[in-house]
Amino acid sequence: MDARSLARDTFDRQLAANPYPGRGLVIGRSVENEWLILYWIMGRSAQSRNRRLVADGVVLRTVPVDASLVKDPSLIIYEAMLELPGIHLVSNGDQTRTAHDALKAGGTFEAALATREREPDAPNFTPRISGLLDLTREPAVLLSILKASRIDPQQTDRYTYRPSPPAPGFGHGLTTYSGDGNPLPSFGGDPMLLPLTGSAEAVLETYWGALDVQNRISLAVKVIASGGGSRLLVRNRF
C-alpha cells in the first residue's frame, strides 16, 4: 500500500469509522505546502461538552460555553496552541503551557513533559498528547504521549516520537483514545499517517465531517505561511 492509500485508510478507520477517538492533533503540510496543525475536542459527558475552542490571536484556548455549569476546570480549560519564534506547540491540556515556558527558559520539549503525568481522571486515565513543530532551522516534528502504564495505571509511560517531516499532503497524528468504551481505551501504537488534502479550509471541513456528529465539539486548524506568520481557523458545534 502506498503512502497516500495508507493515510486515507488510516483516516477512514481511525477517525471516520471511529465513534470516539477523543481529542486529537495532527502536524503536517497541505498540498499547497503550508504547515498545518490540527486540534479537536470531543465529549460524551455534559461537563466535556460544555466548552469550545476560541482563537485569541495566535493562541488557541478552550473556554466554557456556560461558565455556571463548570464543576472542575482543571482538565477542560487550557491553552491548546501556543508559539514561540519559529516554534509551534499543541496539546490536549495545560502541558502546552508547561512546554512553552520550559522552551522559553532554554529547556527542552521532552524534559518539560517529563514533569507531567497522564490525566488523573480514573478509570480512563486519559493520555496527554502533545506536539511540537520547529521551523527555526530545518523543519522538525516531535510528538509525545503520556499514558497510564498497563501494569500499574498509577504510573505513567512516556513515549516521544521524531517522525520525518511529512511531505505536502500528509500529517502525523495522535488521538487520546482508540475507540469508545468504559473505561475508554487509550490510543496505542505509533503516530498515525494522515491525509491533508486541499486548502486549509478544505482540511478543516474534511476532518470536521469525519468526526462523529454526536460527540464532536470543536476543531481548529492553524495555518503557518512559508514566509512566517500564522492564522487560526475554528469550527465549533456550540
C-alpha atoms as a PDB file:
ATOM      1  CA  MET A   1       0.000   0.000   0.000  1.00  0.00           C
ATOM      2  CA  ASP A   2       1.483   3.369  -0.990  1.00  0.00           C
ATOM      3  CA  ALA A   3       1.643   6.317   1.436  1.00  0.00           C
ATOM      4  CA  ARG A   4      -1.418   8.072   0.056  1.00  0.00           C
ATOM      5  CA  SER A   5      -3.555   4.936   0.285  1.00  0.00           C
ATOM      6  CA  LEU A   6      -2.214   4.161   3.770  1.00  0.00           C
ATOM      7  CA  ALA A   7      -3.021   7.677   5.011  1.00  0.00           C
ATOM      8  CA  ARG A   8      -6.535   7.520   3.610  1.00  0.00           C
ATOM      9  CA  ASP A   9      -7.148   4.059   5.022  1.00  0.00           C
ATOM     10  CA  THR A  10      -5.959   5.201   8.461  1.00  0.00           C
ATOM     11  CA  PHE A  11      -8.198   8.270   8.277  1.00  0.00           C
ATOM     12  CA  ASP A  12     -11.204   6.116   7.378  1.00  0.00           C
ATOM     13  CA  ARG A  13     -10.596   3.517  10.096  1.00  0.00           C
ATOM     14  CA  GLN A  14      -9.251   5.588  12.979  1.00  0.00           C
ATOM     15  CA  LEU A  15     -11.351   8.733  12.546  1.00  0.00           C
ATOM     16  CA  ALA A  16     -14.299   8.441  10.159  1.00  0.00           C
ATOM     17  CA  ALA A  17     -15.408   4.986  11.353  1.00  0.00           C
ATOM     18  CA  ASN A  18     -14.466   5.588  14.985  1.00  0.00           C
ATOM     19  CA  PRO A  19     -17.257   6.937  17.225  1.00  0.00           C
ATOM     20  CA  TYR A  20     -14.837   8.210  19.840  1.00  0.00           C
ATOM     21  CA  PRO A  21     -11.163   8.894  19.060  1.00  0.00           C
ATOM     22  CA  GLY A  22     -11.402  11.629  21.716  1.00  0.00           C
ATOM     23  CA  ARG A  23      -9.147  14.642  21.468  1.00  0.00           C
ATOM     24  CA  GLY A  24      -6.689  14.632  18.585  1.00  0.00           C
ATOM     25  CA  LEU A  25      -3.851  16.510  16.972  1.00  0.00           C
ATOM     26  CA  VAL A  26      -2.146  16.426  13.580  1.00  0.00           C
ATOM     27  CA  ILE A  27       1.008  18.211  12.397  1.00  0.00           C
ATOM     28  CA  GLY A  28       1.743  18.280   8.681  1.00  0.00           C
ATOM     29  CA  ARG A  29       1.707  20.168   5.410  1.00  0.00           C
ATOM     30  CA  SER A  30      -1.068  20.958   2.998  1.00  0.00           C
ATOM     31  CA  VAL A  31      -0.781  20.239  -0.697  1.00  0.00           C
ATOM     32  CA  GLU A  32      -0.228  23.995  -1.002  1.00  0.00           C
ATOM     33  CA  ASN A  33       2.925  23.480   1.133  1.00  0.00           C
ATOM     34  CA  GLU A  34       1.672  25.419   4.137  1.00  0.00           C
ATOM     35  CA  TRP A  35       2.363  23.905   7.533  1.00  0.00           C
ATOM     36  CA  LEU A  36      -0.845  22.920   9.300  1.00  0.00           C
ATOM     37  CA  ILE A  37      -1.553  21.996  12.907  1.00  0.00           C
ATOM     38  CA  LEU A  38      -4.956  20.489  13.702  1.00  0.00           C
ATOM     39  CA  TYR A  39      -6.538  20.072  17.107  1.00  0.00           C
ATOM     40  CA  TRP A  40     -10.006  18.850  18.012  1.00  0.00           C
ATOM     41  CA  ILE A  41     -12.029  18.066  21.099  1.00  0.00           C
ATOM     42  CA  MET A  42     -14.862  15.604  21.573  1.00  0.00           C
ATOM     43  CA  GLY A  43     -17.082  14.910  24.556  1.00  0.00           C
ATOM     44  CA  ARG A  44     -19.580  12.419  25.934  1.00  0.00           C
ATOM     45  CA  SER A  45     -20.437  13.992  29.304  1.00  0.00           C
ATOM     46  CA  ALA A  46     -22.209  17.298  29.915  1.00  0.00           C
ATOM     47  CA  GLN A  47     -19.017  18.644  31.514  1.00  0.00           C
ATOM     48  CA  SER A  48     -16.894  17.739  28.471  1.00  0.00           C
ATOM     49  CA  ARG A  49     -19.446  19.205  26.081  1.00  0.00           C
ATOM     50  CA  ASN A  50     -19.633  22.497  27.968  1.00  0.00           C
ATOM     51  CA  ARG A  51     -16.630  24.024  26.167  1.00  0.00           C
ATOM     52  CA  ARG A  52     -15.478  25.314  22.840  1.00  0.00           C
ATOM     53  CA  LEU A  53     -12.274  26.404  21.120  1.00  0.00           C
ATOM     54  CA  VAL A  54     -11.578  30.095  20.597  1.00  0.00           C
ATOM     55  CA  ALA A  55      -8.724  31.890  18.865  1.00  0.00           C
ATOM     56  CA  ASP A  56      -7.050  34.719  20.767  1.00  0.00           C
ATOM     57  CA  GLY A  57      -4.534  35.972  18.224  1.00  0.00           C
ATOM     58  CA  VAL A  58      -2.191  33.026  17.688  1.00  0.00           C
ATOM     59  CA  VAL A  59      -3.273  31.366  20.937  1.00  0.00           C
ATOM     60  CA  LEU A  60      -5.917  28.647  20.796  1.00  0.00           C
ATOM     61  CA  ARG A  61      -7.728  28.002  24.061  1.00  0.00           C
ATOM     62  CA  THR A  62     -10.776  26.242  25.404  1.00  0.00           C
ATOM     63  CA  VAL A  63     -13.490  28.246  27.128  1.00  0.00           C
ATOM     64  CA  PRO A  64     -16.750  27.149  28.761  1.00  0.00           C
ATOM     65  CA  VAL A  65     -19.984  27.564  26.871  1.00  0.00           C
ATOM     66  CA  ASP A  66     -21.787  28.183  30.172  1.00  0.00           C
ATOM     67  CA  ALA A  67     -19.377  29.134  32.966  1.00  0.00           C
ATOM     68  CA  SER A  68     -22.026  28.495  35.625  1.00  0.00           C
ATOM     69  CA  LEU A  69     -22.020  24.782  34.779  1.00  0.00           C
ATOM     70  CA  VAL A  70     -18.262  24.252  35.185  1.00  0.00           C
ATOM     71  CA  LYS A  71     -17.530  21.967  38.139  1.00  0.00           C
ATOM     72  CA  ASP A  72     -13.799  21.342  37.693  1.00  0.00           C
ATOM     73  CA  PRO A  73     -11.965  23.442  35.089  1.00  0.00           C
ATOM     74  CA  SER A  74      -8.572  21.772  35.604  1.00  0.00           C
ATOM     75  CA  LEU A  75      -8.838  19.245  32.771  1.00  0.00           C
ATOM     76  CA  ILE A  76     -11.151  21.041  30.350  1.00  0.00           C
ATOM     77  CA  ILE A  77      -9.962  24.684  30.318  1.00  0.00           C
ATOM     78  CA  TYR A  78      -6.464  25.197  28.906  1.00  0.00           C
ATOM     79  CA  GLU A  79      -4.353  26.674  26.106  1.00  0.00           C
ATOM     80  CA  ALA A  80      -4.328  24.162  23.263  1.00  0.00           C
ATOM     81  CA  MET A  81      -1.881  26.015  20.985  1.00  0.00           C
ATOM     82  CA  LEU A  82       0.953  28.380  21.870  1.00  0.00           C
ATOM     83  CA  GLU A  83       4.001  29.545  19.977  1.00  0.00           C
ATOM     84  CA  LEU A  84       7.483  30.969  20.329  1.00  0.00           C
ATOM     85  CA  PRO A  85       9.520  32.423  17.443  1.00  0.00           C
ATOM     86  CA  GLY A  86       9.658  29.601  14.895  1.00  0.00           C
ATOM     87  CA  ILE A  87       8.215  27.032  17.315  1.00  0.00           C
ATOM     88  CA  HIS A  88       4.578  25.930  17.441  1.00  0.00           C
ATOM     89  CA  LEU A  89       3.072  23.853  20.242  1.00  0.00           C
ATOM     90  CA  VAL A  90      -0.201  21.939  20.517  1.00  0.00           C
ATOM     91  CA  SER A  91      -1.588  19.678  23.221  1.00  0.00           C
ATOM     92  CA  ASN A  92      -4.767  18.418  24.854  1.00  0.00           C
ATOM     93  CA  GLY A  93      -4.145  20.053  28.232  1.00  0.00           C
ATOM     94  CA  ASP A  94      -2.260  22.594  30.270  1.00  0.00           C
ATOM     95  CA  GLN A  95       1.006  20.854  29.382  1.00  0.00           C
ATOM     96  CA  THR A  96       1.031  23.223  26.390  1.00  0.00           C
ATOM     97  CA  ARG A  97       1.976  25.952  28.855  1.00  0.00           C
ATOM     98  CA  THR A  98       4.473  23.666  30.621  1.00  0.00           C
ATOM     99  CA  ALA A  99       6.325  23.038  27.340  1.00  0.00           C
ATOM    100  CA  HIS A 100       6.102  26.684  26.235  1.00  0.00           C
ATOM    101  CA  ASP A 101       7.593  28.045  29.450  1.00  0.00           C
ATOM    102  CA  ALA A 102      10.342  25.420  29.535  1.00  0.00           C
ATOM    103  CA  LEU A 103      11.393  26.134  25.936  1.00  0.00           C
ATOM    104  CA  LYS A 104      11.329  29.865  26.587  1.00  0.00           C
ATOM    105  CA  ALA A 105      13.701  29.308  29.513  1.00  0.00           C
ATOM    106  CA  GLY A 106      16.098  27.235  27.377  1.00  0.00           C
ATOM    107  CA  GLY A 107      14.799  23.786  28.263  1.00  0.00           C
ATOM    108  CA  THR A 108      13.545  21.009  26.017  1.00  0.00           C
ATOM    109  CA  PHE A 109      10.175  19.616  25.000  1.00  0.00           C
ATOM    110  CA  GLU A 110      10.961  16.163  26.390  1.00  0.00           C
ATOM    111  CA  ALA A 111      12.268  17.439  29.725  1.00  0.00           C
ATOM    112  CA  ALA A 112       9.222  19.646  30.189  1.00  0.00           C
ATOM    113  CA  LEU A 113       6.816  16.755  29.607  1.00  0.00           C
ATOM    114  CA  ALA A 114       8.856  14.516  31.928  1.00  0.00           C
ATOM    115  CA  THR A 115       7.453  16.646  34.746  1.00  0.00           C
ATOM    116  CA  ARG A 116       3.855  15.757  33.823  1.00  0.00           C
ATOM    117  CA  GLU A 117       1.678  12.676  34.222  1.00  0.00           C
ATOM    118  CA  ARG A 118      -1.292  11.170  32.357  1.00  0.00           C
ATOM    119  CA  GLU A 119      -4.537  12.849  33.355  1.00  0.00           C
ATOM    120  CA  PRO A 120      -5.858  11.789  36.804  1.00  0.00           C
ATOM    121  CA  ASP A 121      -9.382  11.003  35.572  1.00  0.00           C
ATOM    122  CA  ALA A 122      -9.698   7.389  36.747  1.00  0.00           C
ATOM    123  CA  PRO A 123     -10.743   4.946  35.388  1.00  0.00           C
ATOM    124  CA  ASN A 124      -9.975   6.405  31.931  1.00  0.00           C
ATOM    125  CA  PHE A 125      -6.592   7.936  32.821  1.00  0.00           C
ATOM    126  CA  THR A 126      -6.771   9.979  29.632  1.00  0.00           C
ATOM    127  CA  PRO A 127      -3.419  10.262  27.841  1.00  0.00           C
ATOM    128  CA  ARG A 128      -1.771  13.644  27.473  1.00  0.00           C
ATOM    129  CA  ILE A 129      -0.923  14.114  23.792  1.00  0.00           C
ATOM    130  CA  SER A 130       1.401  16.903  22.675  1.00  0.00           C
ATOM    131  CA  GLY A 131       3.160  18.070  19.530  1.00  0.00           C
ATOM    132  CA  LEU A 132       5.905  20.484  18.533  1.00  0.00           C
ATOM    133  CA  LEU A 133       6.726  21.920  15.120  1.00  0.00           C
ATOM    134  CA  ASP A 134      10.173  23.539  14.997  1.00  0.00           C
ATOM    135  CA  LEU A 135      10.790  25.777  11.982  1.00  0.00           C
ATOM    136  CA  THR A 136      13.815  27.603  13.376  1.00  0.00           C
ATOM    137  CA  ARG A 137      16.222  25.561  11.221  1.00  0.00           C
ATOM    138  CA  GLU A 138      15.309  22.510   9.200  1.00  0.00           C
ATOM    139  CA  PRO A 139      11.670  21.588   9.906  1.00  0.00           C
ATOM    140  CA  ALA A 140      11.318  19.114  12.767  1.00  0.00           C
ATOM    141  CA  VAL A 141       8.258  17.433  14.270  1.00  0.00           C
ATOM    142  CA  LEU A 142       8.064  15.946  17.768  1.00  0.00           C
ATOM    143  CA  LEU A 143       5.075  14.094  19.168  1.00  0.00           C
ATOM    144  CA  SER A 144       4.522  12.878  22.714  1.00  0.00           C
ATOM    145  CA  ILE A 145       2.007  10.714  24.521  1.00  0.00           C
ATOM    146  CA  LEU A 146       1.902  10.243  28.299  1.00  0.00           C
ATOM    147  CA  LYS A 147      -0.358   7.324  29.161  1.00  0.00           C
ATOM    148  CA  ALA A 148      -1.178   5.086  32.092  1.00  0.00           C
ATOM    149  CA  SER A 149       1.058   2.061  32.478  1.00  0.00           C
ATOM    150  CA  ARG A 150      -0.651  -1.184  31.537  1.00  0.00           C
ATOM    151  CA  ILE A 151       0.956  -2.791  34.603  1.00  0.00           C
ATOM    152  CA  ASP A 152       0.050  -0.078  37.105  1.00  0.00           C
ATOM    153  CA  PRO A 153      -2.232   2.750  35.916  1.00  0.00           C
ATOM    154  CA  GLN A 154      -0.987   4.898  38.778  1.00  0.00           C
ATOM    155  CA  GLN A 155       2.284   5.135  36.831  1.00  0.00           C
ATOM    156  CA  THR A 156       2.875   6.964  33.541  1.00  0.00           C
ATOM    157  CA  ASP A 157       4.518   5.534  30.424  1.00  0.00           C
ATOM    158  CA  ARG A 158       6.161   8.221  28.276  1.00  0.00           C
ATOM    159  CA  TYR A 159       6.661   7.991  24.517  1.00  0.00           C
ATOM    160  CA  THR A 160       8.322  10.609  22.328  1.00  0.00           C
ATOM    161  CA  TYR A 161       8.386  10.339  18.521  1.00  0.00           C
ATOM    162  CA  ARG A 162      10.504  12.189  15.981  1.00  0.00           C
ATOM    163  CA  PRO A 163       8.928  11.352  12.622  1.00  0.00           C
ATOM    164  CA  SER A 164      10.444  12.698   9.446  1.00  0.00           C
ATOM    165  CA  PRO A 165       8.880  15.994   8.348  1.00  0.00           C
ATOM    166  CA  PRO A 166       5.914  14.951   6.213  1.00  0.00           C
ATOM    167  CA  ALA A 167       5.673  15.671   2.505  1.00  0.00           C
ATOM    168  CA  PRO A 168       2.949  18.070   1.333  1.00  0.00           C
ATOM    169  CA  GLY A 169      -0.450  16.435   1.672  1.00  0.00           C
ATOM    170  CA  PHE A 170       0.419  14.390   4.781  1.00  0.00           C
ATOM    171  CA  GLY A 171       0.434  14.776   8.550  1.00  0.00           C
ATOM    172  CA  HIS A 172       1.397  12.847  11.661  1.00  0.00           C
ATOM    173  CA  GLY A 173      -1.316  12.490  14.294  1.00  0.00           C
ATOM    174  CA  LEU A 174      -2.252  11.226  17.740  1.00  0.00           C
ATOM    175  CA  THR A 175      -5.601  10.783  19.485  1.00  0.00           C
ATOM    176  CA  THR A 176      -6.331  10.168  23.137  1.00  0.00           C
ATOM    177  CA  TYR A 177      -8.442   7.042  22.595  1.00  0.00           C
ATOM    178  CA  SER A 178      -8.651   4.164  20.153  1.00  0.00           C
ATOM    179  CA  GLY A 179     -12.441   3.976  20.373  1.00  0.00           C
ATOM    180  CA  ASP A 180     -15.455   4.120  22.657  1.00  0.00           C
ATOM    181  CA  GLY A 181     -15.811   2.081  25.841  1.00  0.00           C
ATOM    182  CA  ASN A 182     -15.991   2.122  29.629  1.00  0.00           C
ATOM    183  CA  PRO A 183     -13.280   2.735  30.536  1.00  0.00           C
ATOM    184  CA  LEU A 184     -12.112   4.389  27.342  1.00  0.00           C
ATOM    185  CA  PRO A 185      -9.238   2.504  25.651  1.00  0.00           C
ATOM    186  CA  SER A 186      -6.112   4.639  25.262  1.00  0.00           C
ATOM    187  CA  PHE A 187      -4.531   5.210  21.867  1.00  0.00           C
ATOM    188  CA  GLY A 188      -1.884   2.613  21.087  1.00  0.00           C
ATOM    189  CA  GLY A 189       0.901   2.202  18.569  1.00  0.00           C
ATOM    190  CA  ASP A 190       2.879   4.689  16.520  1.00  0.00           C
ATOM    191  CA  PRO A 191       1.576   8.085  15.393  1.00  0.00           C
ATOM    192  CA  MET A 192      -0.863   7.874  12.501  1.00  0.00           C
ATOM    193  CA  LEU A 193      -0.006   8.937   8.957  1.00  0.00           C
ATOM    194  CA  LEU A 194      -2.987  11.018   7.819  1.00  0.00           C
ATOM    195  CA  PRO A 195      -4.019  12.912   4.658  1.00  0.00           C
ATOM    196  CA  LEU A 196      -4.112  16.716   4.447  1.00  0.00           C
ATOM    197  CA  THR A 197      -5.745  17.257   1.075  1.00  0.00           C
ATOM    198  CA  GLY A 198      -6.804  20.603  -0.343  1.00  0.00           C
ATOM    199  CA  SER A 199      -6.697  24.055   1.220  1.00  0.00           C
ATOM    200  CA  ALA A 200      -6.618  24.635   4.974  1.00  0.00           C
ATOM    201  CA  GLU A 201     -10.325  25.377   4.829  1.00  0.00           C
ATOM    202  CA  ALA A 202     -10.945  22.114   2.984  1.00  0.00           C
ATOM    203  CA  VAL A 203      -8.879  20.180   5.526  1.00  0.00           C
ATOM    204  CA  LEU A 204     -10.952  21.667   8.359  1.00  0.00           C
ATOM    205  CA  GLU A 205     -14.187  20.615   6.667  1.00  0.00           C
ATOM    206  CA  THR A 206     -12.864  17.130   5.876  1.00  0.00           C
ATOM    207  CA  TYR A 207     -11.845  16.397   9.454  1.00  0.00           C
ATOM    208  CA  TRP A 208     -14.932  18.017  10.938  1.00  0.00           C
ATOM    209  CA  GLY A 209     -17.089  15.872   8.674  1.00  0.00           C
ATOM    210  CA  ALA A 210     -15.222  12.720   9.723  1.00  0.00           C
ATOM    211  CA  LEU A 211     -15.687  13.184  13.478  1.00  0.00           C
ATOM    212  CA  ASP A 212     -18.742  11.538  14.995  1.00  0.00           C
ATOM    213  CA  VAL A 213     -21.601  14.029  14.795  1.00  0.00           C
ATOM    214  CA  GLN A 214     -22.887  13.166  18.284  1.00  0.00           C
ATOM    215  CA  ASN A 215     -19.537  13.559  20.020  1.00  0.00           C
ATOM    216  CA  ARG A 216     -17.623  16.233  18.120  1.00  0.00           C
ATOM    217  CA  ILE A 217     -17.281  19.582  19.910  1.00  0.00           C
ATOM    218  CA  SER A 218     -14.687  21.811  18.224  1.00  0.00           C
ATOM    219  CA  LEU A 219     -11.902  21.676  15.658  1.00  0.00           C
ATOM    220  CA  ALA A 220      -9.181  24.174  14.796  1.00  0.00           C
ATOM    221  CA  VAL A 221      -6.586  24.406  12.047  1.00  0.00           C
ATOM    222  CA  LYS A 222      -3.505  26.581  12.445  1.00  0.00           C
ATOM    223  CA  VAL A 223      -2.046  27.712   9.134  1.00  0.00           C
ATOM    224  CA  ILE A 224       1.641  28.665   9.118  1.00  0.00           C
ATOM    225  CA  ALA A 225       2.721  30.525   5.998  1.00  0.00           C
ATOM    226  CA  SER A 226       6.059  29.744   4.374  1.00  0.00           C
ATOM    227  CA  GLY A 227       7.162  33.344   4.865  1.00  0.00           C
ATOM    228  CA  GLY A 228       6.183  33.370   8.542  1.00  0.00           C
ATOM    229  CA  GLY A 229       3.022  34.385  10.297  1.00  0.00           C
ATOM    230  CA  SER A 230       0.082  32.196  11.200  1.00  0.00           C
ATOM    231  CA  ARG A 231      -3.683  32.223  11.411  1.00  0.00           C
ATOM    232  CA  LEU A 232      -6.298  30.073  13.110  1.00  0.00           C
ATOM    233  CA  LEU A 233      -9.477  28.611  11.641  1.00  0.00           C
ATOM    234  CA  VAL A 234     -12.014  27.340  14.177  1.00  0.00           C
ATOM    235  CA  ARG A 235     -15.237  25.353  13.842  1.00  0.00           C
ATOM    236  CA  ASN A 236     -17.476  24.874  16.887  1.00  0.00           C
ATOM    237  CA  ARG A 237     -20.574  22.792  17.495  1.00  0.00           C
ATOM    238  CA  PHE A 238     -21.829  25.176  20.192  1.00  0.00           C
END
